[in-house]
């Protein structure tokens, strides 16, 4: 069970949401909207939102733009994490990530296994850090977005979460750049 430390104060995180899809629009993007609704309900700020086609160069360009933006602390992408020919989000992440966070994908698949059993092996959910910005890639279904947010991100992006969380590490993410 996640612990919230009462002596710590909540710190809102500025989060950008990217949907990777050739067919979704803002009106039909239920996965991206699921993430937006959840992050705002948790008290965080939507810093930016985009729908990017399944094109590695386009995904990389948007990630780099958001990584360079000092007003964006984290990026959550949805879509493009499967194994088909058009699923290239993990490859785009590999172009920009400086440090992998392998536990994110491992934990996501463990949680997902409880619901979809062995079908979870088709997910290439991943995470990392680049330029002091957290990057999380989750599958493109609303259910996957709920699982990733409700079971992992809501806790790790809350400065009150004990024993540790991503927010308390944010001031130190750029130490290697100084």
Protein backbone atom coordinates (compact mmCIF):
# COMPACT_ATOMS: atom_id res chain seq x y z
CA UNK A 1 0.00 0.00 0.00
CA UNK A 2 1.33 3.41 -0.95
CA UNK A 3 2.12 5.72 1.91
CA UNK A 4 1.53 9.46 1.89
CA UNK A 5 3.62 11.41 4.35
CA UNK A 6 1.54 14.09 6.05
CA UNK A 7 4.53 16.32 6.86
CA UNK A 8 5.51 16.68 3.21
CA UNK A 9 3.70 19.14 0.97
CA UNK A 10 2.14 18.33 -2.38
CA UNK A 11 4.09 19.84 -5.28
CA UNK A 12 2.22 20.07 -8.59
CA UNK A 13 4.16 18.68 -11.54
CA UNK A 14 3.93 20.20 -15.04
CA UNK A 15 3.09 17.29 -17.32
CA UNK A 16 2.84 17.14 -21.12
CA UNK A 17 0.68 14.44 -22.72
CA UNK A 18 1.45 13.06 -26.17
CA UNK A 19 -0.82 10.66 -28.02
CA UNK A 20 0.96 8.72 -30.75
CA UNK A 21 -1.61 7.91 -33.42
CA UNK A 22 -2.27 8.24 -37.13
CA UNK A 23 -6.04 8.36 -36.62
CA UNK A 24 -6.98 10.05 -33.34
CA UNK A 25 -8.10 13.63 -32.93
CA UNK A 26 -8.62 15.60 -29.72
CA UNK A 27 -12.29 14.60 -29.88
CA UNK A 28 -11.53 10.86 -30.24
CA UNK A 29 -8.41 10.68 -28.08
CA UNK A 30 -9.88 8.82 -25.10
CA UNK A 31 -6.48 7.60 -23.89
CA UNK A 32 -4.89 11.04 -23.85
CA UNK A 33 -7.99 12.47 -22.21
CA UNK A 34 -7.84 9.74 -19.56
CA UNK A 35 -4.32 10.89 -18.67
CA UNK A 36 -5.29 14.58 -18.69
CA UNK A 37 -8.31 13.95 -16.45
CA UNK A 38 -6.26 11.94 -13.97
CA UNK A 39 -3.27 14.26 -13.76
CA UNK A 40 -5.52 17.28 -13.25
CA UNK A 41 -7.62 15.45 -10.63
CA UNK A 42 -4.38 14.69 -8.77
CA UNK A 43 -3.54 18.43 -8.68
CA UNK A 44 -0.91 18.50 -11.42
CA UNK A 45 -0.83 20.90 -14.37
CA UNK A 46 -1.26 19.99 -18.02
CA UNK A 47 1.73 21.78 -19.53
CA UNK A 48 1.10 20.76 -23.15
CA UNK A 49 -0.81 18.24 -25.22
CA UNK A 50 -0.21 16.92 -28.72
CA UNK A 51 -1.29 14.18 -31.07
CA UNK A 52 1.70 13.02 -33.11
CA UNK A 53 1.57 10.52 -35.99
CA UNK A 54 3.32 7.14 -35.76
CA UNK A 55 6.51 8.59 -37.17
CA UNK A 56 9.76 8.30 -35.21
CA UNK A 57 11.20 11.63 -36.35
CA UNK A 58 8.00 13.47 -35.39
CA UNK A 59 7.89 11.84 -31.96
CA UNK A 60 11.58 12.57 -31.35
CA UNK A 61 11.14 16.21 -32.42
CA UNK A 62 8.20 16.73 -30.04
CA UNK A 63 10.01 14.99 -27.19
CA UNK A 64 13.10 17.15 -27.71
CA UNK A 65 10.98 20.31 -27.76
CA UNK A 66 9.32 19.38 -24.48
CA UNK A 67 12.59 18.21 -22.89
CA UNK A 68 14.10 21.62 -23.69
CA UNK A 69 11.12 23.45 -22.16
CA UNK A 70 11.93 24.39 -18.54
CA UNK A 71 8.20 24.53 -17.78
CA UNK A 72 7.72 20.79 -18.46
CA UNK A 73 8.76 18.35 -15.74
CA UNK A 74 7.40 15.12 -17.21
CA UNK A 75 6.00 13.74 -20.45
CA UNK A 76 3.54 10.87 -20.64
CA UNK A 77 2.97 9.34 -24.06
CA UNK A 78 0.21 6.92 -24.97
CA UNK A 79 0.31 4.68 -28.02
CA UNK A 80 2.94 3.15 -30.24
CA UNK A 81 4.30 0.71 -27.63
CA UNK A 82 3.19 -2.54 -29.28
CA UNK A 83 5.07 -4.77 -31.68
CA UNK A 84 3.54 -3.92 -35.07
CA UNK A 85 5.47 -2.14 -37.79
CA UNK A 86 4.00 1.26 -36.93
CA UNK A 87 4.69 0.96 -33.17
CA UNK A 88 7.87 2.99 -32.75
CA UNK A 89 7.48 4.98 -29.52
CA UNK A 90 10.16 2.99 -27.62
CA UNK A 91 12.56 3.50 -30.54
CA UNK A 92 11.85 7.25 -30.44
CA UNK A 93 12.47 7.24 -26.67
CA UNK A 94 15.79 5.48 -27.26
CA UNK A 95 16.89 8.46 -29.39
CA UNK A 96 16.46 10.93 -26.52
CA UNK A 97 16.64 9.08 -23.19
CA UNK A 98 19.83 9.61 -21.17
CA UNK A 99 18.91 7.22 -18.35
CA UNK A 100 16.44 4.36 -18.56
CA UNK A 101 13.96 3.63 -15.78
CA UNK A 102 13.47 -0.09 -16.45
CA UNK A 103 11.37 -0.65 -13.34
CA UNK A 104 8.53 1.38 -14.84
CA UNK A 105 7.95 -1.01 -17.74
CA UNK A 106 8.50 -4.03 -15.54
CA UNK A 107 5.98 -2.82 -12.96
CA UNK A 108 3.49 -1.78 -15.64
CA UNK A 109 3.57 -5.28 -17.17
CA UNK A 110 3.20 -6.88 -13.73
CA UNK A 111 0.10 -4.76 -13.06
CA UNK A 112 -1.21 -5.39 -16.57
CA UNK A 113 -0.75 -9.16 -16.19
CA UNK A 114 -3.36 -9.13 -13.41
CA UNK A 115 -5.92 -7.91 -15.96
CA UNK A 116 -4.92 -9.17 -19.39
CA UNK A 117 -2.71 -12.11 -18.45
CA UNK A 118 -0.03 -13.08 -20.97
CA UNK A 119 -1.15 -10.47 -23.52
CA UNK A 120 0.93 -8.02 -21.48
CA UNK A 121 4.08 -9.38 -23.15
CA UNK A 122 3.06 -7.36 -26.23
CA UNK A 123 3.53 -4.11 -24.30
CA UNK A 124 6.81 -2.25 -24.57
CA UNK A 125 5.93 0.36 -21.95
CA UNK A 126 9.10 2.21 -21.06
CA UNK A 127 10.44 5.22 -19.17
CA UNK A 128 13.55 7.31 -18.80
CA UNK A 129 15.02 10.70 -18.07
CA UNK A 130 16.38 13.23 -20.58
CA UNK A 131 17.55 16.76 -19.91
CA UNK A 132 16.04 16.64 -16.43
CA UNK A 133 12.60 15.63 -17.76
CA UNK A 134 10.86 12.37 -16.92
CA UNK A 135 9.53 10.45 -19.93
CA UNK A 136 6.92 7.69 -19.64
CA UNK A 137 5.49 5.67 -22.56
CA UNK A 138 2.34 3.64 -22.01
CA UNK A 139 0.12 1.67 -24.38
CA UNK A 140 -2.64 3.41 -26.29
CA UNK A 141 -5.73 2.07 -24.55
CA UNK A 142 -7.66 3.97 -21.87
CA UNK A 143 -7.31 0.93 -19.60
CA UNK A 144 -3.53 0.96 -19.92
CA UNK A 145 -3.47 4.70 -19.20
CA UNK A 146 -5.61 4.17 -16.09
CA UNK A 147 -3.33 1.36 -14.89
CA UNK A 148 -0.15 3.36 -15.47
CA UNK A 149 -1.53 6.46 -13.77
CA UNK A 150 -3.53 4.89 -10.94
CA UNK A 151 -0.99 2.25 -9.97
CA UNK A 152 2.36 3.96 -10.64
CA UNK A 153 2.45 7.60 -11.71
CA UNK A 154 -0.05 9.03 -9.22
CA UNK A 155 2.27 7.80 -6.47
CA UNK A 156 5.68 8.46 -8.00
CA UNK A 157 4.67 11.97 -9.10
CA UNK A 158 3.49 12.86 -5.58
CA UNK A 159 6.18 14.46 -3.40
CA UNK A 160 4.43 13.09 -0.31
CA UNK A 161 4.81 9.43 -1.35
CA UNK A 162 7.08 7.40 0.94
CA UNK A 163 9.63 5.98 1.04
CA UNK A 164 10.67 7.78 -2.15
CA UNK A 165 9.27 9.35 -5.30
CA UNK A 166 10.35 10.93 -8.58
CA UNK A 167 9.42 14.46 -7.49
CA UNK A 168 12.00 14.62 -4.70
CA UNK A 169 14.68 13.71 -7.25
CA UNK A 170 13.74 16.42 -9.75
CA UNK A 171 16.19 19.05 -8.42
CA UNK A 172 19.04 16.56 -8.96
CA UNK A 173 18.18 15.29 -12.45
CA UNK A 174 20.53 17.72 -14.17
CA UNK A 175 23.57 17.21 -11.90
CA UNK A 176 25.54 15.63 -14.75
CA UNK A 177 25.04 18.75 -16.88
CA UNK A 178 26.83 21.16 -14.51
